[in-house]
Amino acid sequence: MMTTLDAADARSRPRSLVSEAANSHRPAAVAGKRQNAVVLAGKDYETLYFLSVPGMSVEAKATP
């Protein structure tokens, strides 16, 4: 489940927010007045990126 914070809360604790996302592999949604964002662990982002590239997931599975 994704944690949702308002922008003020996220600004008050950016390091712990990043640590929590990285250690738990759970994204955190940051809700602002005009825009929203998601804090995601770097490894999780890489996985999502590679899975979004057509054919990449097939190649990754075939590579030992």
PDB file of N, CA and C in Angstrom:
ATOM      1  N   MET A   1       0.834  -1.181   0.000  1.00  0.00           N
ATOM      2  CA  MET A   1       0.000   0.000   0.000  1.00  0.00           C
ATOM      3  C   MET A   1       0.879   1.245   0.000  1.00  0.00           C
ATOM      4  N   MET A   2       0.483   2.254  -0.749  1.00  0.00           N
ATOM      5  CA  MET A   2       1.275   3.466  -0.864  1.00  0.00           C
ATOM      6  C   MET A   2       0.915   4.456   0.243  1.00  0.00           C
ATOM      7  N   THR A   3       1.941   5.019   0.870  1.00  0.00           N
ATOM      8  CA  THR A   3       1.759   6.078   1.852  1.00  0.00           C
ATOM      9  C   THR A   3       1.488   7.375   1.117  1.00  0.00           C
ATOM     10  N   THR A   4       0.571   8.183   1.631  1.00  0.00           N
ATOM     11  CA  THR A   4       0.294   9.482   1.037  1.00  0.00           C
ATOM     12  C   THR A   4       0.567  10.570   2.065  1.00  0.00           C
ATOM     13  N   LEU A   5       1.353  11.569   1.659  1.00  0.00           N
ATOM     14  CA  LEU A   5       1.688  12.694   2.534  1.00  0.00           C
ATOM     15  C   LEU A   5       1.359  13.996   1.834  1.00  0.00           C
ATOM     16  N   ASP A   6       1.109  15.040   2.615  1.00  0.00           N
ATOM     17  CA  ASP A   6       0.976  16.338   1.968  1.00  0.00           C
ATOM     18  C   ASP A   6       2.387  16.909   1.770  1.00  0.00           C
ATOM     19  N   ALA A   7       2.498  17.891   0.904  1.00  0.00           N
ATOM     20  CA  ALA A   7       3.805  18.429   0.536  1.00  0.00           C
ATOM     21  C   ALA A   7       4.554  19.001   1.737  1.00  0.00           C
ATOM     22  N   ALA A   8       3.857  19.626   2.665  1.00  0.00           N
ATOM     23  CA  ALA A   8       4.513  20.200   3.852  1.00  0.00           C
ATOM     24  C   ALA A   8       5.169  19.105   4.689  1.00  0.00           C
ATOM     25  N   ASP A   9       4.484  17.985   4.865  1.00  0.00           N
ATOM     26  CA  ASP A   9       5.045  16.873   5.630  1.00  0.00           C
ATOM     27  C   ASP A   9       6.267  16.293   4.920  1.00  0.00           C
ATOM     28  N   ALA A  10       6.180  16.157   3.612  1.00  0.00           N
ATOM     29  CA  ALA A  10       7.314  15.628   2.837  1.00  0.00           C
ATOM     30  C   ALA A  10       8.517  16.563   2.923  1.00  0.00           C
ATOM     31  N   ARG A  11       8.282  17.877   2.882  1.00  0.00           N
ATOM     32  CA  ARG A  11       9.381  18.852   2.992  1.00  0.00           C
ATOM     33  C   ARG A  11      10.034  18.817   4.359  1.00  0.00           C
ATOM     34  N   SER A  12       9.274  18.472   5.377  1.00  0.00           N
ATOM     35  CA  SER A  12       9.821  18.477   6.737  1.00  0.00           C
ATOM     36  C   SER A  12      10.705  17.267   7.032  1.00  0.00           C
ATOM     37  N   ARG A  13      10.603  16.225   6.201  1.00  0.00           N
ATOM     38  CA  ARG A  13      11.415  15.020   6.458  1.00  0.00           C
ATOM     39  C   ARG A  13      11.828  14.306   5.171  1.00  0.00           C
ATOM     40  N   PRO A  14      12.538  15.002   4.294  1.00  0.00           N
ATOM     41  CA  PRO A  14      12.888  14.383   3.005  1.00  0.00           C
ATOM     42  C   PRO A  14      13.799  13.159   3.131  1.00  0.00           C
ATOM     43  N   ARG A  15      14.767  13.215   4.040  1.00  0.00           N
ATOM     44  CA  ARG A  15      15.686  12.069   4.165  1.00  0.00           C
ATOM     45  C   ARG A  15      14.976  10.818   4.636  1.00  0.00           C
ATOM     46  N   SER A  16      14.114  10.959   5.633  1.00  0.00           N
ATOM     47  CA  SER A  16      13.424   9.762   6.131  1.00  0.00           C
ATOM     48  C   SER A  16      12.426   9.251   5.101  1.00  0.00           C
ATOM     49  N   LEU A  17      11.837  10.154   4.334  1.00  0.00           N
ATOM     50  CA  LEU A  17      10.910   9.741   3.281  1.00  0.00           C
ATOM     51  C   LEU A  17      11.620   8.897   2.226  1.00  0.00           C
ATOM     52  N   VAL A  18      12.795   9.338   1.816  1.00  0.00           N
ATOM     53  CA  VAL A  18      13.578   8.591   0.828  1.00  0.00           C
ATOM     54  C   VAL A  18      14.031   7.257   1.423  1.00  0.00           C
ATOM     55  N   SER A  19      14.501   7.271   2.658  1.00  0.00           N
ATOM     56  CA  SER A  19      14.943   6.028   3.310  1.00  0.00           C
ATOM     57  C   SER A  19      13.810   5.020   3.420  1.00  0.00           C
ATOM     58  N   GLU A  20      12.630   5.491   3.811  1.00  0.00           N
ATOM     59  CA  GLU A  20      11.482   4.592   3.936  1.00  0.00           C
ATOM     60  C   GLU A  20      11.122   3.971   2.590  1.00  0.00           C
ATOM     61  N   ALA A  21      11.106   4.778   1.544  1.00  0.00           N
ATOM     62  CA  ALA A  21      10.772   4.256   0.213  1.00  0.00           C
ATOM     63  C   ALA A  21      11.818   3.249  -0.253  1.00  0.00           C
ATOM     64  N   ALA A  22      13.089   3.545  -0.004  1.00  0.00           N
ATOM     65  CA  ALA A  22      14.167   2.660  -0.447  1.00  0.00           C
ATOM     66  C   ALA A  22      14.189   1.349   0.335  1.00  0.00           C
ATOM     67  N   ASN A  23      13.991   1.424   1.635  1.00  0.00           N
ATOM     68  CA  ASN A  23      14.075   0.225   2.478  1.00  0.00           C
ATOM     69  C   ASN A  23      12.830  -0.653   2.398  1.00  0.00           C
ATOM     70  N   SER A  24      11.675  -0.050   2.274  1.00  0.00           N
ATOM     71  CA  SER A  24      10.433  -0.832   2.274  1.00  0.00           C
ATOM     72  C   SER A  24       9.988  -1.244   0.872  1.00  0.00           C
ATOM     73  N   HIS A  25      10.562  -0.593  -0.150  1.00  0.00           N
ATOM     74  CA  HIS A  25      10.143  -0.805  -1.549  1.00  0.00           C
ATOM     75  C   HIS A  25       8.661  -0.482  -1.730  1.00  0.00           C
ATOM     76  N   ARG A  26       8.174   0.466  -0.939  1.00  0.00           N
ATOM     77  CA  ARG A  26       6.809   0.973  -1.075  1.00  0.00           C
ATOM     78  C   ARG A  26       6.894   2.435  -1.469  1.00  0.00           C
ATOM     79  N   PRO A  27       6.273   2.820  -2.562  1.00  0.00           N
ATOM     80  CA  PRO A  27       6.322   4.227  -2.962  1.00  0.00           C
ATOM     81  C   PRO A  27       5.531   5.104  -1.996  1.00  0.00           C
ATOM     82  N   ALA A  28       5.882   6.383  -1.977  1.00  0.00           N
ATOM     83  CA  ALA A  28       5.159   7.363  -1.171  1.00  0.00           C
ATOM     84  C   ALA A  28       4.624   8.441  -2.099  1.00  0.00           C
ATOM     85  N   ALA A  29       3.334   8.702  -2.017  1.00  0.00           N
ATOM     86  CA  ALA A  29       2.719   9.759  -2.816  1.00  0.00           C
ATOM     87  C   ALA A  29       2.803  11.065  -2.038  1.00  0.00           C
ATOM     88  N   VAL A  30       3.199  12.117  -2.728  1.00  0.00           N
ATOM     89  CA  VAL A  30       3.269  13.451  -2.134  1.00  0.00           C
ATOM     90  C   VAL A  30       2.220  14.301  -2.842  1.00  0.00           C
ATOM     91  N   ALA A  31       1.245  14.759  -2.084  1.00  0.00           N
ATOM     92  CA  ALA A  31       0.137  15.529  -2.651  1.00  0.00           C
ATOM     93  C   ALA A  31       0.355  17.012  -2.403  1.00  0.00           C
ATOM     94  N   GLY A  32       0.497  17.757  -3.486  1.00  0.00           N
ATOM     95  CA  GLY A  32       0.641  19.202  -3.397  1.00  0.00           C
ATOM     96  C   GLY A  32      -0.653  19.889  -3.779  1.00  0.00           C
ATOM     97  N   LYS A  33      -0.671  21.207  -3.656  1.00  0.00           N
ATOM     98  CA  LYS A  33      -1.879  21.955  -4.010  1.00  0.00           C
ATOM     99  C   LYS A  33      -2.151  21.908  -5.503  1.00  0.00           C
ATOM    100  N   ARG A  34      -1.083  21.983  -6.317  1.00  0.00           N
ATOM    101  CA  ARG A  34      -1.264  22.016  -7.770  1.00  0.00           C
ATOM    102  C   ARG A  34      -0.802  20.743  -8.467  1.00  0.00           C
ATOM    103  N   GLN A  35       0.165  20.053  -7.869  1.00  0.00           N
ATOM    104  CA  GLN A  35       0.704  18.859  -8.513  1.00  0.00           C
ATOM    105  C   GLN A  35       0.981  17.789  -7.477  1.00  0.00           C
ATOM    106  N   ASN A  36       1.109  16.570  -7.953  1.00  0.00           N
ATOM    107  CA  ASN A  36       1.440  15.436  -7.094  1.00  0.00           C
ATOM    108  C   ASN A  36       2.717  14.786  -7.603  1.00  0.00           C
ATOM    109  N   ALA A  37       3.378  14.038  -6.726  1.00  0.00           N
ATOM    110  CA  ALA A  37       4.603  13.341  -7.101  1.00  0.00           C
ATOM    111  C   ALA A  37       4.660  12.016  -6.345  1.00  0.00           C
ATOM    112  N   VAL A  38       5.575  11.161  -6.762  1.00  0.00           N
ATOM    113  CA  VAL A  38       5.768   9.876  -6.097  1.00  0.00           C
ATOM    114  C   VAL A  38       7.257   9.712  -5.797  1.00  0.00           C
ATOM    115  N   VAL A  39       7.560   9.307  -4.565  1.00  0.00           N
ATOM    116  CA  VAL A  39       8.929   8.980  -4.175  1.00  0.00           C
ATOM    117  C   VAL A  39       9.043   7.468  -4.285  1.00  0.00           C
ATOM    118  N   LEU A  40      10.026   7.028  -5.069  1.00  0.00           N
ATOM    119  CA  LEU A  40      10.167   5.614  -5.394  1.00  0.00           C
ATOM    120  C   LEU A  40      11.626   5.214  -5.236  1.00  0.00           C
ATOM    121  N   ALA A  41      11.883   4.040  -4.701  1.00  0.00           N
ATOM    122  CA  ALA A  41      13.254   3.547  -4.578  1.00  0.00           C
ATOM    123  C   ALA A  41      13.892   3.452  -5.961  1.00  0.00           C
ATOM    124  N   GLY A  42      15.165   3.778  -6.047  1.00  0.00           N
ATOM    125  CA  GLY A  42      15.874   3.754  -7.326  1.00  0.00           C
ATOM    126  C   GLY A  42      15.801   2.405  -8.018  1.00  0.00           C
ATOM    127  N   LYS A  43      15.976   1.338  -7.279  1.00  0.00           N
ATOM    128  CA  LYS A  43      15.915  -0.013  -7.867  1.00  0.00           C
ATOM    129  C   LYS A  43      14.526  -0.312  -8.415  1.00  0.00           C
ATOM    130  N   ASP A  44      13.509   0.151  -7.702  1.00  0.00           N
ATOM    131  CA  ASP A  44      12.143  -0.070  -8.168  1.00  0.00           C
ATOM    132  C   ASP A  44      11.886   0.714  -9.450  1.00  0.00           C
ATOM    133  N   TYR A  45      12.415   1.936  -9.518  1.00  0.00           N
ATOM    134  CA  TYR A  45      12.280   2.736 -10.739  1.00  0.00           C
ATOM    135  C   TYR A  45      12.963   2.040 -11.919  1.00  0.00           C
ATOM    136  N   GLU A  46      14.176   1.529 -11.684  1.00  0.00           N
ATOM    137  CA  GLU A  46      14.894   0.822 -12.757  1.00  0.00           C
ATOM    138  C   GLU A  46      14.078  -0.357 -13.256  1.00  0.00           C
ATOM    139  N   THR A  47      13.513  -1.120 -12.339  1.00  0.00           N
ATOM    140  CA  THR A  47      12.696  -2.273 -12.723  1.00  0.00           C
ATOM    141  C   THR A  47      11.508  -1.841 -13.564  1.00  0.00           C
ATOM    142  N   LEU A  48      10.790  -0.811 -13.110  1.00  0.00           N
ATOM    143  CA  LEU A  48       9.637  -0.323 -13.874  1.00  0.00           C
ATOM    144  C   LEU A  48      10.058   0.180 -15.245  1.00  0.00           C
ATOM    145  N   TYR A  49      11.186   0.878 -15.297  1.00  0.00           N
ATOM    146  CA  TYR A  49      11.667   1.405 -16.579  1.00  0.00           C
ATOM    147  C   TYR A  49      11.964   0.260 -17.547  1.00  0.00           C
ATOM    148  N   PHE A  50      12.738  -0.717 -17.099  1.00  0.00           N
ATOM    149  CA  PHE A  50      13.103  -1.816 -17.997  1.00  0.00           C
ATOM    150  C   PHE A  50      11.892  -2.639 -18.415  1.00  0.00           C
ATOM    151  N   LEU A  51      10.924  -2.795 -17.530  1.00  0.00           N
ATOM    152  CA  LEU A  51       9.712  -3.527 -17.896  1.00  0.00           C
ATOM    153  C   LEU A  51       8.854  -2.753 -18.896  1.00  0.00           C
ATOM    154  N   SER A  52       9.032  -1.427 -18.947  1.00  0.00           N
ATOM    155  CA  SER A  52       8.245  -0.618 -19.881  1.00  0.00           C
ATOM    156  C   SER A  52       8.836  -0.586 -21.288  1.00  0.00           C
ATOM    157  N   VAL A  53      10.090  -1.017 -21.446  1.00  0.00           N
ATOM    158  CA  VAL A  53      10.738  -1.033 -22.755  1.00  0.00           C
ATOM    159  C   VAL A  53      10.294  -2.300 -23.489  1.00  0.00           C
ATOM    160  N   PRO A  54       9.660  -2.157 -24.652  1.00  0.00           N
ATOM    161  CA  PRO A  54       9.184  -3.339 -25.374  1.00  0.00           C
ATOM    162  C   PRO A  54      10.306  -4.354 -25.624  1.00  0.00           C
ATOM    163  N   GLY A  55      10.060  -5.588 -25.252  1.00  0.00           N
ATOM    164  CA  GLY A  55      11.026  -6.655 -25.465  1.00  0.00           C
ATOM    165  C   GLY A  55      12.101  -6.761 -24.399  1.00  0.00           C
ATOM    166  N   MET A  56      12.255  -5.754 -23.571  1.00  0.00           N
ATOM    167  CA  MET A  56      13.331  -5.773 -22.573  1.00  0.00           C
ATOM    168  C   MET A  56      13.108  -6.851 -21.524  1.00  0.00           C
ATOM    169  N   SER A  57      11.877  -7.051 -21.071  1.00  0.00           N
ATOM    170  CA  SER A  57      11.638  -8.053 -20.044  1.00  0.00           C
ATOM    171  C   SER A  57      11.903  -9.451 -20.576  1.00  0.00           C
ATOM    172  N   VAL A  58      11.643  -9.681 -21.838  1.00  0.00           N
ATOM    173  CA  VAL A  58      11.916 -10.979 -22.457  1.00  0.00           C
ATOM    174  C   VAL A  58      13.423 -11.214 -22.525  1.00  0.00           C
ATOM    175  N   GLU A  59      14.182 -10.175 -22.932  1.00  0.00           N
ATOM    176  CA  GLU A  59      15.639 -10.289 -22.997  1.00  0.00           C
ATOM    177  C   GLU A  59      16.244 -10.495 -21.616  1.00  0.00           C
ATOM    178  N   ALA A  60      15.743  -9.799 -20.627  1.00  0.00           N
ATOM    179  CA  ALA A  60      16.280  -9.919 -19.265  1.00  0.00           C
ATOM    180  C   ALA A  60      16.054 -11.330 -18.729  1.00  0.00           C
ATOM    181  N   LYS A  61      14.915 -11.921 -19.014  1.00  0.00           N
ATOM    182  CA  LYS A  61      14.631 -13.271 -18.546  1.00  0.00           C
ATOM    183  C   LYS A  61      15.506 -14.292 -19.255  1.00  0.00           C
ATOM    184  N   ALA A  62      15.869 -14.016 -20.519  1.00  0.00           N
ATOM    185  CA  ALA A  62      16.665 -14.961 -21.285  1.00  0.00           C
ATOM    186  C   ALA A  62      18.144 -14.885 -20.958  1.00  0.00           C
ATOM    187  N   THR A  63      18.595 -13.782 -20.355  1.00  0.00           N
ATOM    188  CA  THR A  63      20.005 -13.607 -20.046  1.00  0.00           C
ATOM    189  C   THR A  63      20.319 -14.236 -18.698  1.00  0.00           C
ATOM    190  N   PRO A  64      21.325 -15.136 -18.649  1.00  0.00           N
ATOM    191  CA  PRO A  64      21.652 -15.778 -17.356  1.00  0.00           C
ATOM    192  C   PRO A  64      22.328 -14.832 -16.400  1.00  0.00           C
TER     193      PRO A  64
END
